[in-house]
N, C-alpha and C. Protein backbone atom coordinates (compact mmCIF):
# COMPACT_ATOMS: atom_id res chain seq x y z
N MET A 1 58.26 -64.36 -5.30
CA MET A 1 57.42 -64.63 -4.14
C MET A 1 58.91 -65.47 -3.19
N THR A 2 58.87 -64.70 -1.76
CA THR A 2 59.96 -65.44 -0.92
C THR A 2 59.46 -66.24 0.03
N ASP A 3 60.11 -67.38 0.24
CA ASP A 3 59.90 -68.37 1.45
C ASP A 3 60.68 -68.21 2.49
N TYR A 4 60.23 -68.30 3.81
CA TYR A 4 60.76 -68.25 4.81
C TYR A 4 60.73 -69.33 5.85
N THR A 5 61.62 -69.56 6.64
CA THR A 5 61.50 -70.86 7.33
C THR A 5 61.29 -70.24 8.91
N VAL A 6 59.91 -70.99 9.40
CA VAL A 6 59.64 -70.77 10.93
C VAL A 6 59.73 -72.00 11.71
N GLU A 7 61.02 -71.70 12.63
CA GLU A 7 61.01 -72.70 13.72
C GLU A 7 60.29 -72.33 15.19
N PHE A 8 59.39 -73.31 15.36
CA PHE A 8 59.09 -73.16 16.98
C PHE A 8 60.13 -73.91 18.11
N VAL A 9 60.53 -73.16 18.48
CA VAL A 9 61.76 -73.70 19.27
C VAL A 9 60.94 -74.56 20.62
N GLY A 10 61.65 -75.44 21.18
CA GLY A 10 61.47 -76.39 22.08
C GLY A 10 60.36 -77.48 21.35
N THR A 11 60.07 -77.34 20.19
CA THR A 11 58.96 -78.62 19.88
C THR A 11 59.49 -79.37 18.76
N GLY A 12 60.81 -78.68 18.12
CA GLY A 12 61.42 -79.50 17.01
C GLY A 12 60.44 -79.46 15.49
N GLU A 13 59.39 -78.42 15.73
CA GLU A 13 58.98 -78.15 14.54
C GLU A 13 59.04 -76.97 13.74
N THR A 14 59.24 -77.19 12.36
CA THR A 14 59.81 -76.29 11.49
C THR A 14 59.15 -76.37 10.24
N ILE A 15 58.49 -75.08 9.74
CA ILE A 15 57.62 -74.81 8.52
C ILE A 15 58.36 -74.00 7.65
N THR A 16 57.93 -73.72 6.46
CA THR A 16 58.00 -72.93 5.56
C THR A 16 56.91 -72.21 5.12
N VAL A 17 57.06 -70.95 5.11
CA VAL A 17 56.18 -70.09 5.01
C VAL A 17 56.28 -68.70 4.30
N SER A 18 55.47 -68.80 3.08
CA SER A 18 55.70 -67.55 1.98
C SER A 18 55.34 -66.28 2.83
N GLU A 19 56.20 -65.33 2.15
CA GLU A 19 55.62 -63.88 2.94
C GLU A 19 54.15 -63.52 2.30
N LYS A 20 53.52 -64.16 1.75
CA LYS A 20 52.12 -63.97 1.16
C LYS A 20 51.05 -64.70 2.22
N ASP A 21 51.42 -65.71 3.00
CA ASP A 21 50.68 -66.34 3.91
C ASP A 21 50.87 -66.10 5.33
N THR A 22 49.94 -66.57 6.17
CA THR A 22 50.04 -66.41 7.35
C THR A 22 50.66 -67.73 7.99
N ILE A 23 51.46 -67.40 9.18
CA ILE A 23 51.88 -68.38 9.82
C ILE A 23 51.08 -69.57 10.24
N LEU A 24 49.68 -69.14 10.98
CA LEU A 24 48.67 -69.72 11.38
C LEU A 24 48.24 -70.70 10.39
N ARG A 25 48.33 -70.14 8.95
CA ARG A 25 47.42 -70.93 8.02
C ARG A 25 48.31 -72.07 7.56
N ARG A 26 49.86 -71.60 7.38
CA ARG A 26 50.59 -72.99 7.22
C ARG A 26 50.81 -74.04 8.37
N CYS A 27 50.48 -73.40 9.59
CA CYS A 27 50.38 -74.53 10.66
C CYS A 27 49.20 -75.19 10.36
N ILE A 28 48.23 -74.91 10.27
CA ILE A 28 46.92 -75.85 10.12
C ILE A 28 47.10 -76.82 8.92
N ASP A 29 47.65 -76.00 7.43
CA ASP A 29 48.32 -77.23 6.31
C ASP A 29 49.02 -78.14 6.84
N GLU A 30 49.98 -77.71 7.58
CA GLU A 30 51.03 -78.90 8.00
C GLU A 30 50.72 -79.76 9.08
N GLY A 31 49.61 -79.38 9.87
CA GLY A 31 48.99 -80.51 10.63
C GLY A 31 49.56 -80.06 12.14
N ILE A 32 49.99 -78.76 12.42
CA ILE A 32 51.06 -78.33 13.75
C ILE A 32 49.68 -77.94 14.19
N ALA A 33 49.90 -78.16 15.86
CA ALA A 33 48.80 -77.67 16.57
C ALA A 33 49.18 -76.43 17.48
N GLN A 34 48.53 -75.44 16.25
CA GLN A 34 48.77 -73.79 16.90
C GLN A 34 47.37 -73.55 17.27
N GLU A 35 47.43 -72.93 18.88
CA GLU A 35 46.40 -72.32 19.39
C GLU A 35 45.68 -71.36 18.51
N TYR A 36 44.51 -71.07 18.31
CA TYR A 36 43.97 -69.47 17.71
C TYR A 36 42.49 -69.75 18.10
N SER A 37 41.72 -68.73 18.07
CA SER A 37 40.43 -68.70 18.15
C SER A 37 39.53 -67.51 17.30
N CYS A 38 39.91 -66.31 17.31
CA CYS A 38 39.36 -65.49 16.51
C CYS A 38 39.69 -65.29 15.18
N ARG A 39 40.82 -65.47 14.74
CA ARG A 39 41.51 -65.42 13.66
C ARG A 39 41.55 -63.90 12.58
N VAL A 40 41.15 -63.01 13.51
CA VAL A 40 41.35 -61.61 13.22
C VAL A 40 42.01 -60.63 13.97
N GLY A 41 43.18 -61.35 14.67
CA GLY A 41 44.12 -60.65 15.72
C GLY A 41 43.71 -59.50 16.75
N MET A 42 42.67 -60.42 17.59
CA MET A 42 42.17 -59.27 18.48
C MET A 42 42.50 -60.62 19.85
N CYS A 43 42.16 -61.50 19.82
CA CYS A 43 42.25 -62.46 21.09
C CYS A 43 43.29 -62.92 21.78
N LEU A 44 44.47 -62.68 20.99
CA LEU A 44 45.72 -63.10 21.47
C LEU A 44 46.07 -64.63 21.72
N ALA A 45 44.94 -65.39 21.47
CA ALA A 45 45.72 -66.64 21.57
C ALA A 45 46.21 -67.40 20.51
N CYS A 46 46.56 -66.81 19.57
CA CYS A 46 47.76 -67.44 18.83
C CYS A 46 48.97 -66.66 18.81
N SER A 47 49.32 -65.65 19.73
CA SER A 47 50.34 -65.16 19.88
C SER A 47 51.51 -66.06 20.21
N ALA A 48 52.79 -65.76 19.81
CA ALA A 48 53.93 -66.46 19.79
C ALA A 48 55.08 -65.23 19.96
N GLU A 49 55.97 -65.41 21.03
CA GLU A 49 57.05 -64.76 21.22
C GLU A 49 58.42 -64.59 19.94
N ILE A 50 58.72 -63.45 19.72
CA ILE A 50 59.36 -63.49 18.53
C ILE A 50 60.87 -63.58 18.85
N LEU A 51 61.76 -64.56 19.14
CA LEU A 51 63.00 -64.55 19.42
C LEU A 51 64.17 -64.26 18.24
N GLU A 52 63.79 -64.43 17.34
CA GLU A 52 64.75 -64.37 16.20
C GLU A 52 63.58 -63.80 15.14
N GLY A 53 64.33 -62.89 14.06
CA GLY A 53 63.46 -62.54 12.66
C GLY A 53 62.09 -61.58 13.13
N GLU A 54 61.81 -61.31 11.97
CA GLU A 54 60.71 -60.21 11.92
C GLU A 54 59.52 -60.69 10.82
N VAL A 55 58.50 -60.17 11.37
CA VAL A 55 57.20 -60.34 10.80
C VAL A 55 56.57 -58.91 10.22
N THR A 56 55.67 -59.03 9.16
CA THR A 56 54.62 -58.07 9.36
C THR A 56 53.35 -58.49 9.68
N GLN A 57 52.33 -57.37 10.47
CA GLN A 57 51.21 -57.68 11.17
C GLN A 57 50.41 -56.55 10.98
N PRO A 58 50.20 -55.65 10.29
CA PRO A 58 49.26 -54.59 10.51
C PRO A 58 48.09 -54.72 10.88
N ALA A 59 47.58 -55.91 11.06
CA ALA A 59 46.10 -55.76 11.57
C ALA A 59 45.90 -56.65 12.92
N ALA A 60 47.28 -56.66 13.42
CA ALA A 60 47.32 -57.13 14.46
C ALA A 60 46.85 -56.13 16.09
N HIS A 61 45.55 -55.90 15.94
CA HIS A 61 45.07 -54.93 16.83
C HIS A 61 44.99 -55.22 18.34
N GLY A 62 44.92 -56.50 18.79
CA GLY A 62 44.98 -57.01 19.86
C GLY A 62 46.30 -56.53 20.46
N LEU A 63 47.55 -56.29 19.97
CA LEU A 63 48.80 -56.02 20.47
C LEU A 63 49.20 -54.33 20.61
N THR A 64 49.78 -53.92 21.52
CA THR A 64 50.40 -52.49 21.33
C THR A 64 51.35 -52.62 20.34
N ASP A 65 51.67 -51.15 20.43
CA ASP A 65 52.55 -51.16 19.25
C ASP A 65 54.15 -51.62 19.68
N GLU A 66 54.28 -51.53 21.13
CA GLU A 66 55.37 -52.35 21.48
C GLU A 66 55.91 -54.06 21.60
N GLU A 67 54.32 -54.46 21.90
CA GLU A 67 54.26 -55.60 21.88
C GLU A 67 54.56 -56.12 20.19
N LYS A 68 53.90 -55.58 19.32
CA LYS A 68 54.24 -55.72 17.82
C LYS A 68 55.51 -56.23 17.66
N GLU A 69 56.58 -55.49 18.05
CA GLU A 69 57.97 -56.15 18.10
C GLU A 69 58.73 -57.27 18.56
N ARG A 70 57.92 -57.43 19.62
CA ARG A 70 58.38 -58.80 20.15
C ARG A 70 57.24 -59.89 20.14
N TYR A 71 56.11 -59.85 19.52
CA TYR A 71 55.16 -60.94 19.53
C TYR A 71 54.41 -60.94 18.02
N ALA A 72 54.13 -62.19 17.75
CA ALA A 72 53.38 -62.62 16.64
C ALA A 72 52.06 -62.96 17.18
N LEU A 73 51.14 -62.41 15.82
CA LEU A 73 49.63 -62.82 16.33
C LEU A 73 49.86 -64.12 14.75
N THR A 74 49.82 -65.15 15.05
CA THR A 74 49.94 -66.20 13.74
C THR A 74 49.05 -66.07 13.30
N CYS A 75 47.96 -65.68 13.52
CA CYS A 75 46.87 -65.49 12.51
C CYS A 75 46.81 -64.38 11.60
N MET A 76 47.67 -63.31 12.11
CA MET A 76 47.90 -62.40 11.08
C MET A 76 49.19 -62.04 10.55
N ALA A 77 50.32 -62.45 11.25
CA ALA A 77 51.71 -62.62 11.01
C ALA A 77 51.83 -63.24 9.68
N ARG A 78 52.85 -62.47 8.73
CA ARG A 78 53.27 -63.13 7.74
C ARG A 78 54.90 -62.86 7.83
N PRO A 79 55.70 -63.91 7.33
CA PRO A 79 57.43 -63.64 7.82
C PRO A 79 57.87 -62.75 7.01
N ALA A 80 58.66 -61.77 7.42
CA ALA A 80 59.51 -60.84 6.67
C ALA A 80 61.27 -61.32 6.90
N SER A 81 61.28 -62.41 7.53
CA SER A 81 62.58 -63.21 7.61
C SER A 81 62.33 -64.28 7.75
N ASP A 82 63.31 -65.13 8.01
CA ASP A 82 63.82 -66.83 8.77
C ASP A 82 63.11 -66.03 10.27
N LEU A 83 62.43 -66.86 10.98
CA LEU A 83 62.08 -66.90 12.07
C LEU A 83 62.33 -67.91 13.21
N LYS A 84 62.53 -67.44 14.52
CA LYS A 84 62.55 -68.51 15.68
C LYS A 84 61.32 -67.85 16.44
N LEU A 85 60.09 -68.98 16.94
CA LEU A 85 59.27 -68.27 17.78
C LEU A 85 58.97 -69.23 19.08
N ASP A 86 58.53 -68.57 19.94
CA ASP A 86 58.03 -69.31 21.09
C ASP A 86 56.54 -69.27 21.46
N ARG A 87 56.18 -70.30 21.15
CA ARG A 87 54.54 -70.31 21.27
C ARG A 87 54.13 -70.57 22.87
N GLY A 88 54.86 -70.95 23.74
CA GLY A 88 54.43 -70.36 25.10
C GLY A 88 54.81 -69.37 25.61
N GLU A 89 54.94 -68.09 24.99
CA GLU A 89 54.77 -66.96 25.67
C GLU A 89 53.60 -66.02 25.09
N TYR A 90 53.29 -65.09 26.06
CA TYR A 90 52.16 -64.31 25.64
C TYR A 90 52.17 -62.80 26.04
N PRO A 91 52.01 -62.17 25.43
CA PRO A 91 52.26 -60.46 25.50
C PRO A 91 51.58 -59.92 26.83
N PRO A 92 52.44 -59.21 27.58
CA PRO A 92 51.88 -58.53 28.80
C PRO A 92 50.57 -57.84 28.49
N SER A 93 50.00 -57.55 27.50
CA SER A 93 48.61 -57.01 27.61
C SER A 93 47.57 -57.91 28.01
N LEU A 94 48.12 -59.60 27.42
CA LEU A 94 47.00 -60.56 28.02
C LEU A 94 47.10 -60.89 29.17
N GLU A 95 48.07 -60.53 29.95
CA GLU A 95 47.95 -60.88 31.63
C GLU A 95 46.98 -59.53 32.07
N ALA A 96 47.48 -58.43 31.55
CA ALA A 96 46.69 -57.24 32.17
C ALA A 96 45.21 -57.29 31.98
N ASP A 97 44.80 -58.08 31.10
CA ASP A 97 43.32 -58.17 30.65
C ASP A 97 42.81 -58.98 31.98
N ALA A 98 43.53 -60.23 32.05
CA ALA A 98 43.23 -61.24 33.05
C ALA A 98 42.65 -60.49 34.41
N VAL A 99 43.74 -59.49 34.95
CA VAL A 99 43.86 -58.65 36.07
C VAL A 99 42.33 -57.62 35.79
N ASP A 100 42.45 -57.01 35.03
CA ASP A 100 41.16 -56.03 34.73
C ASP A 100 39.80 -56.82 34.59
N ALA A 101 39.68 -58.05 34.16
CA ALA A 101 38.48 -58.89 34.13
C ALA A 101 38.14 -59.36 35.54
N THR A 102 38.90 -59.40 36.14
CA THR A 102 38.72 -59.77 37.94
C THR A 102 38.78 -59.14 39.11
N GLY A 103 39.77 -58.01 38.67
CA GLY A 103 39.89 -57.14 39.75
C GLY A 103 41.04 -57.57 40.56
N ASP A 104 41.53 -58.87 40.18
CA ASP A 104 42.62 -59.43 41.23
C ASP A 104 43.84 -59.96 40.73
N PRO A 105 44.77 -59.01 40.94
CA PRO A 105 46.02 -59.28 40.24
C PRO A 105 46.78 -60.39 40.30
N SER A 106 46.54 -61.15 41.23
CA SER A 106 46.84 -62.77 40.71
C SER A 106 46.01 -63.40 39.97
N ALA A 107 44.97 -63.14 39.35
CA ALA A 107 44.49 -63.84 38.33
C ALA A 107 45.44 -63.94 36.84
N ALA A 108 46.51 -63.10 37.03
CA ALA A 108 47.30 -62.99 35.52
C ALA A 108 48.22 -64.15 35.74
N ASP A 109 48.39 -65.41 36.86
CA ASP A 109 49.03 -65.97 37.47
C ASP A 109 48.44 -67.42 37.03
N ASP A 110 47.22 -67.33 37.07
CA ASP A 110 46.12 -68.48 37.17
C ASP A 110 46.51 -69.37 35.76
């Protein structure tokens, strides 16, 4: 079993995550405040932009195929290398959902 280092940029937080474990599970175990809601890869609340490294996340149904390359759903994502993640960034599909729900394109900026 391989362990990888996951660094959350801008926070000073770093954890070690096994290739068999999800990033969210380790955050919870380590007491790191990682946002989440559904825990099944649909709501996107736990998303983080991948700045460096790779993850496996075949069950990340809330992301488009393109978004799976740039964003990790920490509830589903397992590291495939050391990672640098930015928890303050969300995929474009989340912003599109905000527009669709209100009919107001400025809703994505709220």
